[in-house]
Amino acid sequence: MSARALSFGAIAGAYERFRPGYPEELVDMVMRYAGQPVRTALEIGAGTGKATRLFAARGVAVTATEPDEAMLAELRKTMPPCVRAVRAAFEDLQPGETYGLVYAAAALHWTRPEGRWPRVAALLEPDGVFASCGGPFQLADPALAEAVRAARAPFLESDDIPSPDGTDPSEEMQWPGTELQRFQLFSDVQQSVINRRLTLSAPDYVGHLSTISAYLQLPPSRQEEAYAAIAQVLPETVEIAADITVHLARRRPE
């Protein structure tokens, strides 16, 4: 697992505070796709439990896996009884128990590609559902986005995470749907978008930036300089385009 993937523990509290949760529509979409009650789920890279709490609130018994103990400590603060927290990277999970749902919320890109999909399939019951969701967190005003980019430029060229398989953003099907379509282990691959707009105060927006892995790779002094430079160009509140792209697939029966 890369250093960027393991950089969040140092800011676990900020991650819980500044990262937005997920809308109920996400669970509705997954349950509708499943077409039957989902009783058990394995979560890949649960973080502080943003998505964990959403699925647990629907009565799903979630096994929340996360490699960083500090992130798990935040998750445990609000962990419902039906959640079991396990410190483990996805690659460390051993075959055995299977689940009706395996899902990842803004975490799948941190897993290693080697053996990813056979491992997911091995963790799913026959006809079980795989779900992945995520998306960019972007300033909705193009002029403000350009001003922030210019303020960030002396410190970071980009804070984006490129598509893991190189899929161009203009393509209709995005990753991980592109990979799921290529693996015969899965069927009925679907991609949907949940449109979402958020309004944040300038300090909360900078707080969100402080949870992004690209910034966390900078020396602490440079991080603070970058945040200060960006804060100087922000109005009191900012509008955020935070659409969530959801990919769903079904494990083919053996």
Protein backbone atom coordinates (compact mmCIF):
# COMPACT_ATOMS: atom_id res chain seq x y z
CA MET A 1 0.00 0.00 0.00
CA SER A 2 1.38 3.42 -0.95
CA ALA A 3 2.50 6.10 1.49
CA ARG A 4 -0.40 8.27 0.29
CA ALA A 5 -2.86 5.53 1.21
CA LEU A 6 -1.47 5.35 4.74
CA SER A 7 -1.20 9.10 5.31
CA PHE A 8 -4.67 9.67 6.75
CA GLY A 9 -4.13 8.39 10.28
CA ALA A 10 -2.25 11.54 11.25
CA ILE A 11 -5.34 13.62 10.51
CA ALA A 12 -8.09 11.13 11.47
CA GLY A 13 -9.97 13.70 13.54
CA ALA A 14 -9.90 16.25 10.74
CA TYR A 15 -11.01 13.56 8.29
CA GLU A 16 -14.07 12.83 10.39
CA ARG A 17 -14.85 16.52 10.82
CA PHE A 18 -14.26 17.87 7.32
CA ARG A 19 -15.07 15.03 4.94
CA PRO A 20 -18.78 14.97 4.07
CA GLY A 21 -20.85 11.88 4.72
CA TYR A 22 -22.85 10.01 2.11
CA PRO A 23 -26.51 10.53 1.20
CA GLU A 24 -29.25 8.00 1.90
CA GLU A 25 -29.70 7.77 -1.87
CA LEU A 26 -26.48 5.75 -2.03
CA VAL A 27 -27.86 2.96 0.15
CA ASP A 28 -31.20 3.10 -1.68
CA MET A 29 -29.37 2.59 -4.97
CA VAL A 30 -27.37 -0.38 -3.70
CA MET A 31 -30.39 -2.07 -2.10
CA ARG A 32 -32.52 -1.55 -5.20
CA TYR A 33 -29.80 -3.09 -7.36
CA ALA A 34 -29.43 -6.07 -5.01
CA GLY A 35 -33.13 -6.84 -5.38
CA GLN A 36 -33.17 -8.76 -2.09
CA PRO A 37 -32.35 -8.02 1.55
CA VAL A 38 -28.66 -7.40 2.17
CA ARG A 39 -27.82 -8.79 5.59
CA THR A 40 -24.02 -8.82 5.64
CA ALA A 41 -21.39 -6.55 4.12
CA LEU A 42 -17.62 -6.19 4.01
CA GLU A 43 -16.34 -2.63 3.70
CA ILE A 44 -12.93 -2.01 2.11
CA GLY A 45 -11.06 0.94 3.62
CA ALA A 46 -13.75 2.09 6.05
CA GLY A 47 -11.81 5.14 7.23
CA THR A 48 -13.66 6.87 10.07
CA GLY A 49 -16.95 5.18 9.18
CA LYS A 50 -18.67 7.68 6.89
CA ALA A 51 -20.29 4.97 4.77
CA THR A 52 -20.21 2.35 7.54
CA ARG A 53 -22.81 4.20 9.59
CA LEU A 54 -25.06 4.62 6.57
CA PHE A 55 -25.27 0.91 5.80
CA ALA A 56 -25.41 -0.11 9.46
CA ALA A 57 -28.42 2.18 9.96
CA ARG A 58 -30.28 -0.03 7.47
CA GLY A 59 -29.66 -3.10 9.61
CA VAL A 60 -26.71 -4.46 7.60
CA ALA A 61 -24.12 -6.30 9.69
CA VAL A 62 -20.96 -4.56 8.45
CA THR A 63 -17.42 -5.85 8.82
CA ALA A 64 -15.47 -2.61 8.45
CA THR A 65 -11.85 -3.17 7.45
CA GLU A 66 -9.26 -0.40 7.64
CA PRO A 67 -5.44 -0.63 7.81
CA ASP A 68 -4.91 2.51 9.92
CA GLU A 69 -5.53 2.19 13.67
CA ALA A 70 -6.06 5.94 14.15
CA MET A 71 -8.84 5.93 11.56
CA LEU A 72 -10.40 2.88 13.22
CA ALA A 73 -10.28 4.66 16.58
CA GLU A 74 -12.44 7.43 15.10
CA LEU A 75 -14.79 4.85 13.59
CA ARG A 76 -15.20 3.09 16.93
CA LYS A 77 -16.39 6.30 18.60
CA THR A 78 -19.67 6.09 16.70
CA MET A 79 -19.74 2.38 15.81
CA PRO A 80 -23.23 0.83 15.96
CA PRO A 81 -23.56 -2.65 17.54
CA CYS A 82 -23.98 -4.32 14.16
CA VAL A 83 -20.51 -3.19 13.02
CA ARG A 84 -17.34 -5.22 13.52
CA ALA A 85 -14.14 -3.22 13.05
CA VAL A 86 -11.09 -5.08 11.75
CA ARG A 87 -7.63 -3.61 11.29
CA ALA A 88 -6.56 -4.99 7.93
CA ALA A 89 -5.68 -3.90 4.45
CA PHE A 90 -7.80 -5.38 1.69
CA GLU A 91 -4.83 -7.44 0.53
CA ASP A 92 -4.51 -9.00 4.00
CA LEU A 93 -8.03 -10.44 4.06
CA GLN A 94 -8.07 -14.21 3.98
CA PRO A 95 -10.62 -16.28 2.03
CA GLY A 96 -13.31 -17.90 4.11
CA GLU A 97 -16.33 -15.87 5.17
CA THR A 98 -18.48 -14.47 2.37
CA TYR A 99 -20.86 -11.52 2.30
CA GLY A 100 -23.95 -10.37 0.48
CA LEU A 101 -22.26 -7.06 -0.27
CA VAL A 102 -18.65 -5.94 -0.64
CA TYR A 103 -18.26 -2.19 -0.98
CA ALA A 104 -15.72 0.62 -0.95
CA ALA A 105 -16.43 4.32 -0.45
CA ALA A 106 -13.67 6.53 -1.87
CA ALA A 107 -11.17 3.81 -1.02
CA LEU A 108 -10.90 1.27 -3.83
CA HIS A 109 -8.19 3.21 -5.68
CA TRP A 110 -5.86 2.58 -2.74
CA THR A 111 -5.99 -1.21 -3.22
CA ARG A 112 -3.37 -3.00 -5.31
CA PRO A 113 -4.54 -4.06 -8.78
CA GLU A 114 -2.87 -7.48 -8.62
CA GLY A 115 -5.57 -10.00 -7.71
CA ARG A 116 -8.08 -7.29 -6.78
CA TRP A 117 -11.10 -8.73 -8.57
CA PRO A 118 -10.60 -12.43 -7.81
CA ARG A 119 -10.28 -11.41 -4.15
CA VAL A 120 -13.51 -9.38 -4.29
CA ALA A 121 -15.30 -12.30 -5.96
CA ALA A 122 -14.01 -14.73 -3.32
CA LEU A 123 -15.49 -12.53 -0.58
CA LEU A 124 -18.93 -12.42 -2.20
CA GLU A 125 -21.76 -14.89 -1.93
CA PRO A 126 -23.04 -16.19 -5.30
CA ASP A 127 -25.05 -13.35 -6.85
CA GLY A 128 -23.61 -11.05 -4.17
CA VAL A 129 -23.21 -7.37 -4.99
CA PHE A 130 -20.08 -5.28 -5.30
CA ALA A 131 -20.39 -1.50 -4.96
CA SER A 132 -17.86 1.30 -5.23
CA CYS A 133 -18.47 5.01 -4.98
CA GLY A 134 -16.46 8.20 -5.06
CA GLY A 135 -15.85 11.32 -7.04
CA PRO A 136 -14.04 14.64 -7.19
CA PHE A 137 -14.65 17.42 -4.68
CA GLN A 138 -14.43 20.51 -6.86
CA LEU A 139 -15.13 24.21 -6.57
CA ALA A 140 -18.23 24.90 -8.64
CA ASP A 141 -17.10 28.38 -9.73
CA PRO A 142 -14.52 27.98 -12.55
CA ALA A 143 -12.94 31.39 -11.85
CA LEU A 144 -12.47 30.56 -8.17
CA ALA A 145 -11.15 27.11 -9.05
CA GLU A 146 -8.52 28.76 -11.27
CA ALA A 147 -7.57 31.20 -8.51
CA VAL A 148 -7.13 28.31 -6.06
CA ARG A 149 -5.11 26.37 -8.63
CA ALA A 150 -2.78 29.35 -9.07
CA ALA A 151 -2.41 29.77 -5.30
CA ARG A 152 -1.64 26.06 -4.93
CA ALA A 153 0.78 25.86 -7.86
CA PRO A 154 3.99 26.80 -5.95
CA PHE A 155 3.33 23.88 -3.62
CA LEU A 156 1.45 21.28 -5.67
CA GLU A 157 0.94 20.89 -9.39
CA SER A 158 -2.24 18.91 -8.81
CA ASP A 159 -4.17 17.43 -5.91
CA ASP A 160 -6.10 14.99 -8.13
CA ILE A 161 -5.83 11.21 -8.13
CA PRO A 162 -5.70 9.97 -11.75
CA SER A 163 -7.81 7.06 -12.95
CA PRO A 164 -6.11 3.84 -11.77
CA ASP A 165 -6.42 2.24 -15.20
CA GLY A 166 -5.84 5.41 -17.24
CA THR A 167 -9.42 5.82 -18.42
CA ASP A 168 -9.90 9.28 -19.91
CA PRO A 169 -12.44 11.42 -18.02
CA SER A 170 -14.37 11.89 -21.28
CA GLU A 171 -15.16 8.18 -21.57
CA GLU A 172 -18.72 7.14 -20.76
CA MET A 173 -17.72 4.24 -18.49
CA GLN A 174 -15.24 5.17 -15.80
CA TRP A 175 -13.01 3.11 -13.51
CA PRO A 176 -13.66 0.71 -11.79
CA GLY A 177 -16.52 -0.10 -14.15
CA THR A 178 -14.00 -0.44 -16.97
CA GLU A 179 -12.18 -3.21 -15.10
CA LEU A 180 -15.34 -4.91 -13.87
CA GLN A 181 -16.55 -5.20 -17.47
CA ARG A 182 -13.35 -7.03 -18.42
CA PHE A 183 -13.59 -9.65 -15.68
CA GLN A 184 -15.85 -12.64 -16.32
CA LEU A 185 -16.32 -12.97 -12.56
CA PHE A 186 -18.91 -10.17 -12.66
CA SER A 187 -22.05 -9.31 -14.59
CA ASP A 188 -24.60 -6.51 -14.91
CA VAL A 189 -22.04 -3.72 -14.44
CA GLN A 190 -23.82 -0.40 -13.91
CA GLN A 191 -22.65 3.17 -13.45
CA SER A 192 -24.80 5.92 -11.94
CA VAL A 193 -24.21 9.43 -10.64
CA ILE A 194 -25.71 11.03 -7.55
CA ASN A 195 -25.65 14.78 -8.10
CA ARG A 196 -24.57 16.67 -5.01
CA ARG A 197 -23.84 20.33 -4.26
CA LEU A 198 -22.48 21.53 -0.93
CA THR A 199 -21.84 24.94 0.60
CA LEU A 200 -18.83 25.25 2.91
CA SER A 201 -17.27 28.07 4.85
CA ALA A 202 -13.78 29.00 3.68
CA PRO A 203 -12.17 27.51 6.83
CA ASP A 204 -14.07 24.24 6.34
CA TYR A 205 -12.96 24.07 2.72
CA VAL A 206 -9.34 24.52 3.78
CA GLY A 207 -9.99 21.90 6.46
CA HIS A 208 -11.13 19.52 3.75
CA LEU A 209 -7.96 20.20 1.78
CA SER A 210 -5.98 19.24 4.88
CA THR A 211 -7.41 15.70 4.54
CA ILE A 212 -6.30 15.21 0.92
CA SER A 213 -3.36 12.88 0.46
CA ALA A 214 -1.47 15.12 -1.97
CA TYR A 215 -1.19 17.86 0.65
CA LEU A 216 -0.27 15.34 3.34
CA GLN A 217 2.83 14.38 1.36
CA LEU A 218 4.21 17.90 1.77
CA PRO A 219 6.41 18.81 4.76
CA PRO A 220 4.21 20.28 7.54
CA SER A 221 5.57 23.81 7.04
CA ARG A 222 4.81 23.68 3.31
CA GLN A 223 1.32 22.37 4.02
CA GLU A 224 0.59 25.37 6.21
CA GLU A 225 1.98 27.76 3.59
CA ALA A 226 -0.22 26.17 0.93
CA TYR A 227 -3.35 26.38 3.07
CA ALA A 228 -2.63 30.03 3.89
CA ALA A 229 -2.08 30.92 0.23
CA ILE A 230 -5.35 29.25 -0.77
CA ALA A 231 -7.28 30.86 2.10
CA GLN A 232 -6.27 34.29 0.84
CA VAL A 233 -8.20 33.86 -2.43
CA LEU A 234 -11.38 32.36 -0.94
CA PRO A 235 -14.65 34.19 -0.28
CA GLU A 236 -16.48 33.58 3.02
CA THR A 237 -18.33 30.57 1.59
CA VAL A 238 -17.70 28.32 -1.40
CA GLU A 239 -19.97 26.12 -3.49
CA ILE A 240 -18.72 22.59 -4.08
CA ALA A 241 -19.60 20.17 -6.87
CA ALA A 242 -19.35 16.83 -5.11
CA ASP A 243 -21.12 14.37 -7.40
CA ILE A 244 -20.81 10.72 -6.40
CA THR A 245 -20.22 8.14 -9.13
CA VAL A 246 -21.50 4.70 -8.14
CA HIS A 247 -20.45 1.43 -9.76
CA LEU A 248 -22.39 -1.76 -9.15
CA ALA A 249 -21.76 -5.32 -10.28
CA ARG A 250 -22.96 -8.81 -9.44
CA ARG A 251 -20.82 -11.85 -8.84
CA ARG A 252 -21.57 -14.52 -11.40
CA PRO A 253 -22.70 -17.82 -9.86
CA GLU A 254 -20.11 -20.56 -10.23
